[in-house]
Amino acid sequence: MYYTQSLHRAVQQRPNAAASVFNGRRRTFAQFADRVARLAGALQSLGMRHGDRVAMLGLNSDRYMEYTFAVPWGGGALNPVNFRWHANEIAHSLTDSDTQILLVDDPFTEIFGELTAPGTPLRVVVYAGDGAAPEGMLSYETLIATHQPAHDARRNGDDLLGLFYTGGTTGFPKGVMLSHANLLIDALAINGEGFPTPGGTYLHLAPMFHLADLTNSTIEWLQGATHVMMSAFSPRALVEVIEAERVTDVLLVPTMLQMVLEHPVMAEGHDLSSLRKIIYGTSPIAETTLDRALAAFPNAQFFQAYGMTELGSIATMLPPRDHTPEGRVAGRVRSAGRATFCSEVKIVDEAGNEVPRGTVGEVIVCGPTVMLGYWHKPGSTAEAIRNGWMHTGDAGYMDDGGYVFIVDRIKDMIITGGENVYSAEVENALAQHPAVAASAVIALPDERWGERVHAVVVARPGVAVDAQTLIEHCQARLAKYKCPRSVDFIDELPLSGAGKTLKSDLRSRYRQ
């Protein structure tokens, strides 16, 4: 199984159909494939060899999608960069992965100097924007125009498809290694659930660096879909693009869905009847939001997906039949669904023994979508994957029908606006401020973001500090979405007998 197979199939079967649509540019599958092959040849001429990581730092665009095919076509491995990170986090991921080639578009050219500082492995930066290439960068379009198409390397199976960096508990993200087979088997499993509209139009609204978008993109490529890209989200722009391009399928995180439903544009009579499939996930959703969405998009089927980057990325799915009134009455709509066709899911106790149905334990997953491991972190890999089972760190239970209900996160992870934030990472940043003696970071419910990052801080005696100062301190070190949105000060943190912070006590106190 190889990632580029779906592109070959689309060119063979629908060469003149639209493959990509972005900012007025429309390219057929034949045109798209030619550009991919030429970009692959250019990357090879720049030194990309089999398995070499090539990064992309950019907003959603047709060029971003060309990158996702050209790198494996040329034999390399993807390294999509989270543009919401602080520059030092981006630099860490590039250095950690030994990435030597970076593609960057307009909004991010200003941090070029920080990413190419002495000691970093970067030696080639390709400008993938619309203007003239800045000094020190090569032009994306010139590379395509001046290179011959390369033959598809057809790396496959367990060959590395890409590194997908995810938030870590040690202060910096970890690189999740996913193979061609990981992603394609996951896509085939979701195809089996009925998500894509065959030959439909998929809207790339979620950031394309996010594995959730790449997974859904892969699913849609298998069905020969047209891909429409939006570089930035706004409720009005979303509605107008759906209407203009007759979008059939879209991934929406609950935060986006809620913002659209509450926006005045929904009362303006736009024709959204083309929507057929809406998949949501990555963070909790309020039932009231789901009710409004079902009413607002009556022609659409709703799917909920649960998973993680390490699972490439979906482990369970709640299909449309469970979003019906019968499913609501049965309580299944509050679940994360059941194991997909290619995954096995269990709930276990601390010793790894499966617990009785209805008993809360840790969610673990086994199957061909489980990651190859963490890049250069064998210890972390061994801790996460035991006897072939990925330990998710999520607490949940399973009912008699095999439906999984997520009740909490064993790891202190916060999901805000669809992005993962690990509390230890934020606590490490807070600890660097001289006024902070100790801190605990927890999730609090938030109507817009699903959850917000909340810091509980013990200040050093005799040192004055306020909440805004600490928030700005974190913003200088972390991506903005990881930083606390609220801060409370406390005399001492509640501790267990073993000296560990009792975050369950803090969550109970501050959620009240």
Protein backbone atom coordinates (compact mmCIF):
# COMPACT_ATOMS: atom_id res chain seq x y z
CA MET A 1 0.00 0.00 0.00
CA TYR A 2 1.45 3.36 -0.97
CA TYR A 3 0.11 6.85 -0.41
CA THR A 4 0.29 8.07 -4.02
CA GLN A 5 -1.78 5.16 -5.40
CA SER A 6 -5.01 7.17 -5.20
CA LEU A 7 -3.52 9.92 -7.37
CA HIS A 8 -2.51 7.43 -10.07
CA ARG A 9 -6.02 5.99 -9.97
CA ALA A 10 -7.66 9.43 -10.25
CA VAL A 11 -5.50 10.36 -13.25
CA GLN A 12 -6.35 7.09 -14.94
CA GLN A 13 -10.09 7.35 -14.34
CA ARG A 14 -10.84 11.11 -14.18
CA PRO A 15 -7.89 13.00 -15.75
CA ASN A 16 -9.93 16.09 -16.70
CA ALA A 17 -11.99 16.35 -13.52
CA ALA A 18 -11.15 19.04 -10.96
CA ALA A 19 -8.59 17.93 -8.40
CA SER A 20 -7.87 21.19 -6.53
CA VAL A 21 -9.58 24.55 -6.11
CA PHE A 22 -7.93 27.45 -4.30
CA ASN A 23 -8.14 31.24 -4.66
CA GLY A 24 -9.43 31.02 -8.22
CA ARG A 25 -6.91 28.37 -9.30
CA ARG A 26 -8.44 25.16 -10.61
CA ARG A 27 -6.35 22.19 -11.67
CA THR A 28 -7.38 18.85 -13.10
CA PHE A 29 -6.09 15.56 -11.80
CA ALA A 30 -3.74 15.33 -14.79
CA GLN A 31 -2.37 18.84 -14.15
CA PHE A 32 -2.09 18.20 -10.43
CA ALA A 33 -0.16 14.95 -10.95
CA ASP A 34 2.24 16.60 -13.37
CA ARG A 35 3.04 19.34 -10.86
CA VAL A 36 3.50 16.75 -8.10
CA ALA A 37 5.96 14.75 -10.23
CA ARG A 38 7.92 17.88 -11.16
CA LEU A 39 8.06 19.06 -7.54
CA ALA A 40 9.26 15.59 -6.53
CA GLY A 41 12.03 15.86 -9.12
CA ALA A 42 12.98 19.30 -7.82
CA LEU A 43 13.17 18.05 -4.23
CA GLN A 44 15.38 15.18 -5.34
CA SER A 45 17.69 17.65 -7.09
CA LEU A 46 17.89 19.57 -3.79
CA GLY A 47 19.19 16.47 -2.06
CA MET A 48 16.06 14.68 -0.82
CA ARG A 49 16.78 10.95 -0.53
CA HIS A 50 14.62 8.02 0.54
CA GLY A 51 13.20 8.66 3.99
CA ASP A 52 14.51 12.22 4.29
CA ARG A 53 12.14 14.56 6.07
CA VAL A 54 10.78 17.57 4.20
CA ALA A 55 8.77 20.13 6.18
CA MET A 56 5.97 22.49 5.21
CA LEU A 57 5.12 25.62 7.20
CA GLY A 58 2.09 27.21 5.64
CA LEU A 59 -1.63 27.85 5.59
CA ASN A 60 -4.02 25.64 3.67
CA SER A 61 -3.51 25.87 -0.08
CA ASP A 62 -3.32 23.84 -3.27
CA ARG A 63 0.48 23.94 -2.97
CA TYR A 64 0.23 22.41 0.49
CA MET A 65 -1.69 19.48 -0.97
CA GLU A 66 0.86 19.13 -3.78
CA TYR A 67 3.56 18.92 -1.10
CA THR A 68 1.76 16.04 0.64
CA PHE A 69 2.03 13.99 -2.57
CA ALA A 70 5.34 15.22 -3.99
CA VAL A 71 7.42 14.28 -0.95
CA PRO A 72 6.41 10.59 -0.87
CA TRP A 73 6.40 10.54 -4.72
CA GLY A 74 10.07 11.50 -4.56
CA GLY A 75 10.80 9.01 -1.79
CA GLY A 76 10.89 11.41 1.17
CA ALA A 77 8.89 11.67 4.37
CA LEU A 78 6.44 14.43 5.32
CA ASN A 79 6.95 16.74 8.29
CA PRO A 80 3.94 19.11 8.43
CA VAL A 81 4.69 21.96 10.85
CA ASN A 82 2.13 23.31 13.29
CA PHE A 83 2.05 27.02 12.38
CA ARG A 84 0.49 27.84 15.75
CA TRP A 85 3.70 26.95 17.55
CA HIS A 86 6.22 29.43 18.87
CA ALA A 87 9.35 29.74 16.70
CA ASN A 88 11.47 27.82 19.21
CA GLU A 89 9.00 24.92 19.14
CA ILE A 90 9.17 24.84 15.33
CA ALA A 91 12.96 24.97 15.45
CA HIS A 92 12.99 22.05 17.89
CA SER A 93 10.86 19.88 15.63
CA LEU A 94 13.05 20.66 12.60
CA THR A 95 16.26 19.96 14.49
CA ASP A 96 14.91 16.85 16.19
CA SER A 97 13.83 15.40 12.85
CA ASP A 98 17.00 16.52 11.01
CA THR A 99 14.84 18.29 8.42
CA GLN A 100 17.03 19.92 5.79
CA ILE A 101 14.38 21.18 3.33
CA LEU A 102 11.52 23.46 4.35
CA LEU A 103 8.66 24.86 2.26
CA VAL A 104 7.20 28.10 3.64
CA ASP A 105 4.49 30.49 2.49
CA ASP A 106 3.89 34.21 2.98
CA PRO A 107 2.69 34.51 6.60
CA PHE A 108 5.79 32.72 7.91
CA THR A 109 8.68 34.16 5.92
CA GLU A 110 9.40 36.59 8.77
CA ILE A 111 10.64 33.82 11.09
CA PHE A 112 12.97 32.47 8.40
CA GLY A 113 16.03 33.76 10.27
CA GLU A 114 15.14 32.01 13.51
CA LEU A 115 14.72 28.66 11.76
CA THR A 116 18.01 28.84 9.86
CA ALA A 117 20.17 29.95 12.79
CA PRO A 118 23.55 28.23 13.34
CA GLY A 119 23.10 24.73 14.73
CA THR A 120 19.87 24.01 12.86
CA PRO A 121 19.96 21.42 10.05
CA LEU A 122 18.00 23.49 7.52
CA ARG A 123 19.98 24.17 4.35
CA VAL A 124 17.22 24.81 1.75
CA VAL A 125 14.09 26.95 2.13
CA VAL A 126 11.53 27.01 -0.67
CA TYR A 127 9.11 29.93 -0.91
CA ALA A 128 5.63 28.58 -1.69
CA GLY A 129 3.80 31.91 -1.78
CA ASP A 130 2.43 33.92 -4.70
CA GLY A 131 5.02 36.69 -4.94
CA ALA A 132 8.72 36.83 -5.72
CA ALA A 133 10.88 34.59 -3.54
CA PRO A 134 12.54 36.51 -0.69
CA GLU A 135 16.32 36.61 -0.56
CA GLY A 136 17.77 33.30 0.56
CA MET A 137 14.79 31.26 -0.63
CA LEU A 138 14.09 29.29 -3.80
CA SER A 139 10.88 29.79 -5.78
CA TYR A 140 8.36 26.93 -5.62
CA GLU A 141 6.90 27.73 -9.03
CA THR A 142 10.33 28.09 -10.64
CA LEU A 143 11.35 24.67 -9.30
CA ILE A 144 8.25 23.10 -10.86
CA ALA A 145 8.77 24.90 -14.17
CA THR A 146 12.45 23.95 -14.49
CA HIS A 147 12.42 20.28 -13.49
CA GLN A 148 11.31 17.17 -15.35
CA PRO A 149 8.71 14.86 -13.76
CA ALA A 150 10.26 12.24 -11.49
CA HIS A 151 9.19 8.62 -11.41
CA ASP A 152 7.08 7.69 -8.40
CA ALA A 153 9.33 6.01 -5.81
CA ARG A 154 6.31 4.04 -4.58
CA ARG A 155 7.66 3.63 -1.08
CA ASN A 156 5.01 1.60 0.67
CA GLY A 157 3.81 -0.57 3.54
CA ASP A 158 5.83 0.07 6.68
CA ASP A 159 8.03 2.68 4.99
CA LEU A 160 7.90 5.99 6.83
CA LEU A 161 5.28 8.29 5.31
CA GLY A 162 5.81 11.13 7.74
CA LEU A 163 6.58 12.54 11.15
CA PHE A 164 3.63 14.18 12.85
CA TYR A 165 4.68 16.10 15.93
CA THR A 166 2.25 16.05 18.81
CA GLY A 167 2.30 17.78 22.21
CA GLY A 168 4.59 16.19 24.78
CA THR A 169 4.75 16.05 28.56
CA THR A 170 8.49 16.80 28.67
CA GLY A 171 8.34 20.36 27.38
CA PHE A 172 8.63 19.73 23.64
CA PRO A 173 6.56 17.79 21.08
CA LYS A 174 7.32 14.20 20.07
CA GLY A 175 7.50 13.03 16.47
CA VAL A 176 4.94 10.31 15.75
CA MET A 177 6.19 8.01 12.99
CA LEU A 178 3.38 6.89 10.67
CA SER A 179 3.79 4.55 7.72
CA HIS A 180 2.04 4.41 4.37
CA ALA A 181 0.07 1.42 5.64
CA ASN A 182 -0.93 3.19 8.88
CA LEU A 183 -2.67 6.00 7.07
CA LEU A 184 -4.12 4.03 4.16
CA ILE A 185 -5.60 1.27 6.30
CA ASP A 186 -7.16 3.91 8.54
CA ALA A 187 -8.61 5.63 5.45
CA LEU A 188 -10.00 2.36 4.09
CA ALA A 189 -11.63 1.63 7.44
CA ILE A 190 -13.40 5.01 7.45
CA ASN A 191 -14.43 4.47 3.83
CA GLY A 192 -16.09 1.33 5.07
CA GLU A 193 -18.10 3.40 7.55
CA GLY A 194 -19.54 5.34 4.61
CA PHE A 195 -18.03 8.76 5.28
CA PRO A 196 -16.89 10.05 1.88
CA THR A 197 -19.26 11.03 -0.89
CA PRO A 198 -17.93 9.21 -4.00
CA GLY A 199 -16.72 11.81 -6.50
CA GLY A 200 -17.81 14.58 -4.15
CA THR A 201 -16.16 17.84 -3.08
CA TYR A 202 -14.20 17.97 0.15
CA LEU A 203 -13.47 21.24 1.95
CA HIS A 204 -10.09 21.56 3.69
CA LEU A 205 -11.08 23.81 6.57
CA ALA A 206 -9.11 22.27 9.43
CA PRO A 207 -5.38 23.12 9.26
CA MET A 208 -3.62 20.87 6.75
CA PHE A 209 -0.69 20.35 9.14
CA HIS A 210 -3.13 18.50 11.40
CA LEU A 211 -3.34 14.75 10.94
CA ALA A 212 -7.13 14.95 11.15
CA ASP A 213 -7.16 16.83 7.85
CA LEU A 214 -4.58 14.58 6.21
CA THR A 215 -6.56 11.50 7.23
CA ASN A 216 -9.76 12.91 5.77
CA SER A 217 -7.89 14.06 2.68
CA THR A 218 -6.64 10.50 2.19
CA ILE A 219 -10.16 9.14 2.56
CA GLU A 220 -11.45 11.58 -0.04
CA TRP A 221 -8.60 10.85 -2.48
CA LEU A 222 -9.58 7.20 -2.42
CA GLN A 223 -13.00 8.28 -3.72
CA GLY A 224 -11.67 10.70 -6.36
CA ALA A 225 -13.01 13.84 -4.70
CA THR A 226 -12.38 17.45 -5.68
CA HIS A 227 -10.42 19.29 -2.97
CA VAL A 228 -11.29 22.88 -2.06
CA MET A 229 -8.92 24.72 0.31
CA MET A 230 -9.64 27.59 2.71
CA SER A 231 -6.57 29.30 4.14
CA ALA A 232 -8.39 30.70 7.16
CA PHE A 233 -11.67 30.00 8.92
CA SER A 234 -14.53 32.40 9.33
CA PRO A 235 -18.21 31.43 9.53
CA ARG A 236 -19.19 33.67 6.61
CA ALA A 237 -16.37 32.46 4.37
CA LEU A 238 -17.23 28.84 5.18
CA VAL A 239 -20.89 29.25 4.27
CA GLU A 240 -20.07 31.14 1.07
CA VAL A 241 -17.53 28.52 -0.08
CA ILE A 242 -19.93 25.65 0.61
CA GLU A 243 -22.57 27.39 -1.48
CA ALA A 244 -20.26 28.44 -4.33
CA GLU A 245 -18.36 25.16 -4.71
CA ARG A 246 -21.25 22.83 -3.82
CA VAL A 247 -19.18 21.21 -1.09
CA THR A 248 -20.40 17.76 -0.07
CA ASP A 249 -18.02 16.76 2.74
CA VAL A 250 -16.30 18.67 5.54
CA LEU A 251 -14.48 18.11 8.82
CA LEU A 252 -15.53 20.54 11.54
CA VAL A 253 -14.25 20.70 15.08
CA PRO A 254 -17.07 21.49 17.54
CA THR A 255 -15.73 25.00 18.14
CA MET A 256 -16.06 25.85 14.45
CA LEU A 257 -19.48 24.24 14.24
CA GLN A 258 -20.75 26.30 17.16
CA MET A 259 -19.36 29.54 15.72
CA VAL A 260 -21.07 28.88 12.38
CA LEU A 261 -24.40 28.07 13.98
CA GLU A 262 -24.33 31.27 16.05
CA HIS A 263 -23.32 33.55 13.15
CA PRO A 264 -25.90 35.82 11.43
CA VAL A 265 -24.88 34.35 8.04
CA MET A 266 -26.98 31.28 8.83
CA ALA A 267 -30.12 33.42 8.70
CA GLU A 268 -29.37 34.87 5.23
CA GLY A 269 -30.84 32.04 3.20
CA HIS A 270 -27.65 30.56 1.71
CA ASP A 271 -28.09 27.29 -0.17
CA LEU A 272 -26.20 24.66 1.83
CA SER A 273 -28.16 21.72 0.46
CA SER A 274 -25.05 20.21 -1.18
CA LEU A 275 -23.63 19.12 2.19
CA ARG A 276 -23.90 15.35 2.54
CA LYS A 277 -21.28 14.29 5.11
CA ILE A 278 -20.04 16.16 8.19
CA ILE A 279 -17.41 14.54 10.37
CA TYR A 280 -16.65 16.08 13.74
CA GLY A 281 -14.29 15.30 16.56
CA THR A 282 -10.96 16.29 18.19
CA SER A 283 -12.76 17.78 21.21
CA PRO A 284 -15.96 17.36 23.24
CA ILE A 285 -19.22 18.60 21.73
CA ALA A 286 -22.25 19.87 23.63
CA GLU A 287 -25.47 18.02 22.82
CA THR A 288 -27.25 21.35 22.32
CA THR A 289 -24.69 22.24 19.62
CA LEU A 290 -25.19 18.88 17.94
CA ASP A 291 -28.99 19.31 18.03
CA ARG A 292 -28.70 22.70 16.32
CA ALA A 293 -26.33 21.30 13.71
CA LEU A 294 -28.63 18.41 12.86
CA ALA A 295 -31.46 20.90 12.35
CA ALA A 296 -29.34 23.38 10.36
CA PHE A 297 -27.98 20.77 7.91
CA PRO A 298 -30.88 18.35 7.35
CA ASN A 299 -29.37 16.84 4.17
CA ALA A 300 -26.11 15.91 5.88
CA GLN A 301 -25.14 12.73 7.64
CA PHE A 302 -23.10 13.22 10.81
CA PHE A 303 -20.10 11.13 11.86
CA GLN A 304 -18.11 11.44 15.07
CA ALA A 305 -14.49 10.22 15.12
CA TYR A 306 -12.31 9.44 18.11
CA GLY A 307 -8.60 8.76 17.96
CA MET A 308 -5.17 10.28 18.25
CA THR A 309 -2.12 10.97 16.10
CA GLU A 310 -0.50 7.76 17.34
CA LEU A 311 -3.42 5.79 15.88
CA GLY A 312 -3.11 7.27 12.42
CA SER A 313 -5.65 8.74 13.46
CA ILE A 314 -9.10 7.21 14.07
CA ALA A 315 -9.91 4.28 16.37
CA THR A 316 -13.68 4.52 16.83
CA MET A 317 -16.51 6.08 14.89
CA LEU A 318 -20.11 7.00 15.62
CA PRO A 319 -21.94 6.72 12.27
CA PRO A 320 -25.12 8.51 11.14
CA ARG A 321 -27.41 5.71 12.30
CA ASP A 322 -26.43 6.53 15.89
CA HIS A 323 -27.30 10.22 15.42
CA THR A 324 -30.96 9.33 14.86
CA PRO A 325 -33.69 9.86 17.48
CA GLU A 326 -33.38 6.17 18.34
CA GLY A 327 -29.67 6.61 18.91
CA ARG A 328 -30.35 9.62 21.11
CA VAL A 329 -32.84 7.72 23.24
CA ALA A 330 -30.36 4.86 23.64
CA GLY A 331 -27.69 7.33 24.76
CA ARG A 332 -25.29 6.29 22.02
CA VAL A 333 -24.84 9.85 20.73
CA ARG A 334 -22.92 10.61 23.92
CA SER A 335 -20.42 7.91 23.05
CA ALA A 336 -17.35 8.00 20.82
CA GLY A 337 -18.77 5.16 18.77
CA ARG A 338 -17.39 1.68 18.22
CA ALA A 339 -14.09 0.33 16.94
CA THR A 340 -13.56 0.88 13.23
CA PHE A 341 -13.15 -2.08 10.91
CA CYS A 342 -9.39 -2.32 11.32
CA SER A 343 -9.04 -1.51 15.03
CA GLU A 344 -9.52 -3.49 18.21
CA VAL A 345 -10.39 -1.52 21.33
CA LYS A 346 -10.33 -2.60 24.97
CA ILE A 347 -10.78 -0.97 28.36
CA VAL A 348 -8.19 -2.15 30.85
CA ASP A 349 -7.10 -1.64 34.45
CA GLU A 350 -3.64 -0.56 35.57
CA ALA A 351 -2.34 -4.11 35.20
CA GLY A 352 -3.56 -4.31 31.60
CA ASN A 353 -6.46 -6.64 32.34
CA GLU A 354 -9.72 -6.01 30.50
CA VAL A 355 -12.40 -4.68 32.85
CA PRO A 356 -16.11 -5.59 32.84
CA ARG A 357 -18.44 -3.60 30.59
CA GLY A 358 -19.49 -0.34 32.19
CA THR A 359 -16.31 -0.13 34.29
CA VAL A 360 -14.01 2.83 33.77
CA GLY A 361 -10.43 2.07 32.77
CA GLU A 362 -7.85 3.09 30.19
CA VAL A 363 -8.72 2.92 26.49
CA ILE A 364 -6.16 0.88 24.55
CA VAL A 365 -6.11 0.13 20.82
CA CYS A 366 -4.49 -2.56 18.67
CA GLY A 367 -4.33 -2.90 14.91
CA PRO A 368 -2.45 -1.96 11.74
CA THR A 369 -3.01 1.77 12.25
CA VAL A 370 -0.92 1.94 15.44
CA MET A 371 2.14 4.13 14.87
CA LEU A 372 5.62 2.80 14.16
CA GLY A 373 6.76 4.64 17.29
CA TYR A 374 8.09 7.99 18.49
CA TRP A 375 11.01 9.38 16.52
CA HIS A 376 14.29 8.67 18.37
CA LYS A 377 12.39 7.95 21.61
CA PRO A 378 12.45 4.17 22.20
CA GLY A 379 11.64 4.57 25.88
CA SER A 380 8.51 6.61 25.18
CA THR A 381 7.52 4.15 22.45
CA ALA A 382 7.87 1.17 24.80
CA GLU A 383 5.80 2.95 27.42
CA ALA A 384 3.01 3.77 24.96
CA ILE A 385 2.89 0.51 22.95
CA ARG A 386 2.82 -2.61 25.10
CA ASN A 387 2.36 -6.02 23.52
CA GLY A 388 1.12 -4.30 20.38
CA TRP A 389 -1.51 -2.21 22.19
CA MET A 390 -1.40 1.59 22.12
CA HIS A 391 -2.20 2.98 25.56
CA THR A 392 -4.10 6.17 24.86
CA GLY A 393 -4.05 7.67 28.34
CA ASP A 394 -7.80 8.27 28.01
CA ALA A 395 -10.20 6.98 30.63
CA GLY A 396 -13.47 5.51 29.46
CA TYR A 397 -15.84 2.58 29.58
CA MET A 398 -17.55 0.31 27.06
CA ASP A 399 -21.19 -0.70 27.07
CA ASP A 400 -22.60 -4.09 26.11
CA GLY A 401 -22.87 -3.02 22.46
CA GLY A 402 -19.19 -2.12 22.20
CA TYR A 403 -19.76 1.63 22.32
CA VAL A 404 -16.88 3.52 23.96
CA PHE A 405 -17.63 6.41 26.31
CA ILE A 406 -14.72 8.74 27.11
CA VAL A 407 -15.08 10.13 30.63
CA ASP A 408 -11.74 11.80 31.27
CA ARG A 409 -8.10 11.85 30.23
CA ILE A 410 -5.68 9.94 32.34
CA LYS A 411 -2.87 12.03 30.97
CA ASP A 412 -3.41 15.64 31.88
CA MET A 413 -4.22 16.70 28.36
CA ILE A 414 -6.44 19.64 27.51
CA ILE A 415 -8.25 19.89 24.17
CA THR A 416 -8.95 23.52 23.33
CA GLY A 417 -10.41 24.40 19.94
CA GLY A 418 -9.42 20.99 18.62
CA GLU A 419 -5.73 21.32 19.60
CA ASN A 420 -4.00 19.18 22.22
CA VAL A 421 -2.30 20.92 25.14
CA TYR A 422 -0.35 18.98 27.74
CA SER A 423 -0.45 20.57 31.19
CA ALA A 424 3.16 19.67 31.99
CA GLU A 425 4.34 21.71 29.01
CA VAL A 426 2.51 24.81 30.26
CA GLU A 427 3.67 24.18 33.84
CA ASN A 428 7.26 24.05 32.58
CA ALA A 429 6.82 27.48 30.99
CA LEU A 430 5.25 28.93 34.14
CA ALA A 431 8.09 27.55 36.24
CA GLN A 432 10.52 29.76 34.31
CA HIS A 433 8.95 32.90 35.80
CA PRO A 434 10.75 34.02 38.96
CA ALA A 435 7.49 34.76 40.78
CA VAL A 436 6.09 31.21 40.40
CA ALA A 437 6.80 28.75 43.19
CA ALA A 438 4.51 26.01 41.88
CA SER A 439 1.65 25.60 39.44
CA ALA A 440 -0.94 23.15 38.19
CA VAL A 441 -2.61 23.51 34.81
CA ILE A 442 -6.07 22.04 34.27
CA ALA A 443 -8.93 22.16 31.77
CA LEU A 444 -12.05 24.16 32.48
CA PRO A 445 -15.19 24.03 30.31
CA ASP A 446 -15.43 26.81 27.75
CA GLU A 447 -18.48 27.56 25.61
CA ARG A 448 -16.43 28.56 22.55
CA TRP A 449 -13.28 26.42 22.76
CA GLY A 450 -14.71 23.29 24.38
CA GLU A 451 -12.06 23.57 27.08
CA ARG A 452 -9.72 26.35 28.12
CA VAL A 453 -6.30 26.23 29.71
CA HIS A 454 -6.51 27.34 33.34
CA ALA A 455 -3.49 27.80 35.60
CA VAL A 456 -3.55 27.51 39.39
CA VAL A 457 -0.41 29.23 40.71
CA VAL A 458 1.41 29.42 44.02
CA ALA A 459 3.43 32.66 44.05
CA ARG A 460 6.74 32.99 45.79
CA PRO A 461 6.47 34.80 49.13
CA GLY A 462 6.91 38.53 48.88
CA VAL A 463 6.84 38.57 45.05
CA ALA A 464 3.95 40.39 43.35
CA VAL A 465 2.64 39.04 40.06
CA ASP A 466 -0.68 39.18 38.24
CA ALA A 467 -2.51 36.88 35.83
CA GLN A 468 -1.84 38.92 32.68
CA THR A 469 1.90 38.97 33.36
CA LEU A 470 1.99 35.17 33.56
CA ILE A 471 -0.13 34.78 30.42
CA GLU A 472 2.22 37.05 28.48
CA HIS A 473 5.19 35.16 29.93
CA CYS A 474 3.81 31.92 28.48
CA GLN A 475 2.98 33.53 25.14
CA ALA A 476 6.66 34.40 24.73
CA ARG A 477 7.54 30.70 25.01
CA LEU A 478 4.59 28.70 23.72
CA ALA A 479 2.01 28.75 20.97
CA LYS A 480 -0.81 31.06 21.97
CA TYR A 481 -3.44 28.32 22.12
CA LYS A 482 -1.35 26.49 24.75
CA CYS A 483 -1.20 29.48 27.09
CA PRO A 484 -3.53 29.97 30.04
CA ARG A 485 -6.67 31.93 29.33
CA SER A 486 -7.28 32.35 33.04
CA VAL A 487 -5.19 32.19 36.22
CA ASP A 488 -6.04 31.76 39.87
CA PHE A 489 -3.65 32.17 42.78
CA ILE A 490 -3.65 29.80 45.75
CA ASP A 491 -1.57 29.45 48.92
CA GLU A 492 -0.67 25.80 48.32
CA LEU A 493 -1.55 23.01 45.91
CA PRO A 494 -3.45 19.97 47.19
CA LEU A 495 -1.07 16.99 47.33
CA SER A 496 -1.51 13.25 47.63
CA GLY A 497 0.38 11.14 50.14
CA ALA A 498 2.98 10.52 47.45
CA GLY A 499 3.46 14.23 46.94
CA LYS A 500 1.66 14.45 43.60
CA THR A 501 -0.69 17.34 42.84
CA LEU A 502 -4.33 16.30 43.13
CA LYS A 503 -5.59 17.83 39.92
CA SER A 504 -8.93 16.09 40.35
CA ASP A 505 -9.47 18.24 43.46
CA LEU A 506 -8.56 21.39 41.55
CA ARG A 507 -10.81 20.53 38.64
CA SER A 508 -13.72 19.92 41.01
CA ARG A 509 -13.09 23.16 42.88
CA TYR A 510 -12.70 25.47 39.88
CA ARG A 511 -15.36 23.90 37.67
CA GLN A 512 -17.85 24.68 40.43
